[in-house]
Amino acid sequence: MWGSDSTNSRGRQIEQFISNNSLCLLNNDETTYFHEPTRTFHSLDLAICSPQLLPLLNLTVGNDLYNSDHFPLIVSHADRGGATRPPPRYLFQRADWDAFTQLAEITDTMVSTSDITEAVQNVIDCIMYAATNTIPKSSPGIRKFRRPWWNETCRDSIREQKRRWNIF
């Protein structure tokens, strides 16, 4: 599974654990350990991640032991073209709501079709046309690197940490 020439019961247990828990292995066939007494290389160190992270990560094995018997595993973010621009957002506080109300008028002819999907699309098109013509959008700002692991829990933890430092 990770490039070893032989398997044993512990290796099969690890394979079973990865499979049972729907995990992914970043390792390829590169060896990660040098056994000095026998002067042989083995694949002992594993980098495991969730299926959601697999396409976002790369694994490379360092080529210097750095006075160890294990080569370093370097897990990096896969280069997907670098930074991305955040999508423009509607600036609702600067909207011309009177014009929007006039343009977003939904008529009977828009919804009096026998196909519900077509009626819904007509309403969506009407609202989008009104929004595009009456609500300005922000311009794409500076490029940002997205952090796929960042979520609301991380944000809340940082806020709580800052709050507690202010108390201290």
Protein backbone atom coordinates (compact mmCIF):
# COMPACT_ATOMS: atom_id res chain seq x y z
CA MET A 1 0.00 0.00 0.00
CA TRP A 2 2.83 2.45 0.73
CA GLY A 3 5.70 1.03 -1.27
CA SER A 4 7.04 -1.65 1.05
CA ASP A 5 8.29 -4.88 -0.49
CA SER A 6 6.96 -6.97 2.38
CA THR A 7 3.96 -6.94 4.67
CA ASN A 8 3.42 -8.13 8.22
CA SER A 9 0.54 -8.26 10.68
CA ARG A 10 1.16 -4.70 11.93
CA GLY A 11 1.18 -3.36 8.39
CA ARG A 12 -2.08 -5.15 7.64
CA GLN A 13 -3.58 -3.65 10.83
CA ILE A 14 -2.62 -0.17 9.63
CA GLU A 15 -4.07 -0.88 6.18
CA GLN A 16 -7.30 -2.08 7.82
CA PHE A 17 -7.45 1.02 10.06
CA ILE A 18 -7.02 3.34 7.06
CA SER A 19 -9.67 1.46 5.11
CA ASN A 20 -12.17 1.17 7.98
CA ASN A 21 -11.95 4.88 8.79
CA SER A 22 -12.13 6.11 5.18
CA LEU A 23 -8.72 7.74 5.40
CA CYS A 24 -6.17 8.36 2.68
CA LEU A 25 -2.45 7.75 2.58
CA LEU A 26 -0.22 10.45 1.10
CA ASN A 27 2.84 8.19 0.90
CA ASN A 28 4.14 6.87 -2.36
CA ASP A 29 6.83 4.24 -2.84
CA GLU A 30 9.64 6.33 -1.30
CA THR A 31 11.38 4.87 1.73
CA THR A 32 11.35 6.88 4.95
CA TYR A 33 13.63 4.94 7.31
CA PHE A 34 17.25 3.79 7.17
CA HIS A 35 18.10 0.73 9.30
CA GLU A 36 21.79 1.26 10.00
CA PRO A 37 22.76 -2.24 11.26
CA THR A 38 21.53 -3.89 8.05
CA ARG A 39 22.08 -0.81 5.84
CA THR A 40 18.56 -1.19 4.39
CA PHE A 41 15.76 1.26 3.68
CA HIS A 42 12.15 0.78 4.75
CA SER A 43 8.80 2.59 4.65
CA LEU A 44 7.90 3.13 8.31
CA ASP A 45 6.60 6.70 8.46
CA LEU A 46 3.15 7.43 7.11
CA ALA A 47 1.25 10.61 6.33
CA ILE A 48 -2.50 10.04 6.65
CA CYS A 49 -5.27 12.52 5.88
CA SER A 50 -8.99 12.76 5.21
CA PRO A 51 -10.37 12.32 1.68
CA GLN A 52 -11.29 16.03 1.64
CA LEU A 53 -7.66 17.04 2.19
CA LEU A 54 -6.09 14.54 -0.22
CA PRO A 55 -6.34 16.71 -3.37
CA LEU A 56 -5.00 19.71 -1.43
CA LEU A 57 -1.81 18.12 -0.10
CA ASN A 58 1.53 16.92 -1.46
CA LEU A 59 4.01 14.68 0.33
CA THR A 60 7.72 14.69 -0.33
CA VAL A 61 10.36 12.75 1.53
CA GLY A 62 13.48 14.71 2.40
CA ASN A 63 16.80 13.37 1.13
CA ASP A 64 18.90 14.12 4.24
CA LEU A 65 18.66 12.11 7.46
CA TYR A 66 19.77 15.10 9.60
CA ASN A 67 21.51 12.78 12.14
CA SER A 68 18.40 10.60 12.42
CA ASP A 69 17.43 7.25 10.99
CA HIS A 70 14.18 8.68 9.58
CA PHE A 71 13.96 10.88 6.51
CA PRO A 72 11.72 13.91 7.08
CA LEU A 73 8.22 13.80 5.63
CA ILE A 74 7.29 17.17 4.18
CA VAL A 75 3.56 17.71 3.77
CA SER A 76 2.78 20.82 1.76
CA HIS A 77 -0.25 22.49 0.28
CA ALA A 78 -0.71 21.49 -3.35
CA ASP A 79 -0.08 24.40 -5.67
CA ARG A 80 -3.37 25.18 -7.34
CA GLY A 81 -2.16 28.30 -9.10
CA GLY A 82 -1.30 30.15 -5.92
CA ALA A 83 -3.45 32.88 -4.54
CA THR A 84 -7.05 33.34 -5.51
CA ARG A 85 -9.12 36.45 -5.76
CA PRO A 86 -12.15 36.58 -3.53
CA PRO A 87 -15.37 36.77 -5.53
CA PRO A 88 -16.99 40.21 -5.77
CA ARG A 89 -19.80 40.85 -3.31
CA TYR A 90 -22.91 42.92 -3.58
CA LEU A 91 -22.68 46.23 -1.69
CA PHE A 92 -26.24 46.28 -0.38
CA GLN A 93 -25.77 49.54 1.55
CA ARG A 94 -25.20 51.35 -1.78
CA ALA A 95 -28.10 49.77 -3.66
CA ASP A 96 -30.77 51.79 -5.45
CA TRP A 97 -33.72 50.00 -3.87
CA ASP A 98 -36.39 51.99 -5.73
CA ALA A 99 -34.91 50.99 -9.08
CA PHE A 100 -34.45 47.42 -7.85
CA THR A 101 -38.14 47.22 -6.87
CA GLN A 102 -39.19 48.42 -10.34
CA LEU A 103 -36.86 46.04 -12.20
CA ALA A 104 -37.58 43.02 -10.00
CA GLU A 105 -41.31 43.05 -10.63
CA ILE A 106 -42.44 39.49 -11.10
CA THR A 107 -45.33 39.28 -13.54
CA ASP A 108 -47.98 36.62 -14.11
CA THR A 109 -46.52 35.81 -17.51
CA MET A 110 -43.21 34.84 -15.88
CA VAL A 111 -44.78 32.18 -13.71
CA SER A 112 -47.77 31.06 -15.79
CA THR A 113 -45.90 28.30 -17.56
CA SER A 114 -46.63 24.60 -17.17
CA ASP A 115 -42.97 23.86 -16.46
CA ILE A 116 -42.13 24.77 -12.85
CA THR A 117 -38.39 24.75 -13.57
CA GLU A 118 -38.86 27.35 -16.29
CA ALA A 119 -41.01 29.51 -13.99
CA VAL A 120 -38.39 29.40 -11.24
CA GLN A 121 -35.66 30.27 -13.73
CA ASN A 122 -37.71 33.24 -15.00
CA VAL A 123 -38.01 34.60 -11.44
CA ILE A 124 -34.30 34.05 -10.77
CA ASP A 125 -33.36 35.80 -14.03
CA CYS A 126 -35.61 38.76 -13.17
CA ILE A 127 -34.10 39.18 -9.70
CA MET A 128 -30.53 38.74 -10.96
CA TYR A 129 -31.11 41.32 -13.71
CA ALA A 130 -32.44 43.79 -11.15
CA ALA A 131 -29.55 43.14 -8.76
CA THR A 132 -26.90 43.45 -11.47
CA ASN A 133 -28.29 46.80 -12.61
CA THR A 134 -29.03 48.41 -9.23
CA ILE A 135 -26.63 46.98 -6.64
CA PRO A 136 -22.92 47.74 -7.06
CA LYS A 137 -20.36 45.01 -6.44
CA SER A 138 -17.04 45.19 -4.67
CA SER A 139 -13.98 45.05 -6.87
CA PRO A 140 -11.76 42.03 -6.42
CA GLY A 141 -9.22 43.04 -3.83
CA ILE A 142 -5.77 41.79 -3.15
CA ARG A 143 -5.11 38.15 -3.69
CA LYS A 144 -5.46 35.89 -0.68
CA PHE A 145 -4.30 32.38 -0.02
CA ARG A 146 -7.27 30.33 1.10
CA ARG A 147 -6.82 28.14 4.14
CA PRO A 148 -8.96 25.03 3.62
CA TRP A 149 -8.57 24.01 7.26
CA TRP A 150 -9.79 27.36 8.65
CA ASN A 151 -13.34 27.30 9.96
CA GLU A 152 -15.62 29.02 12.47
CA THR A 153 -14.16 27.04 15.37
CA CYS A 154 -10.68 28.36 14.55
CA ARG A 155 -12.03 31.91 14.29
CA ASP A 156 -13.86 31.62 17.61
CA SER A 157 -10.78 30.20 19.32
CA ILE A 158 -8.64 33.12 18.13
CA ARG A 159 -11.26 35.61 19.34
CA GLU A 160 -11.43 33.90 22.73
CA GLN A 161 -7.64 33.89 23.00
CA LYS A 162 -7.47 37.63 22.24
CA ARG A 163 -10.26 38.32 24.72
CA ARG A 164 -8.43 36.42 27.45
CA TRP A 165 -5.14 38.18 26.73
CA ASN A 166 -6.93 41.50 27.18
CA ILE A 167 -8.18 40.34 30.59
CA PHE A 168 -4.66 39.30 31.60
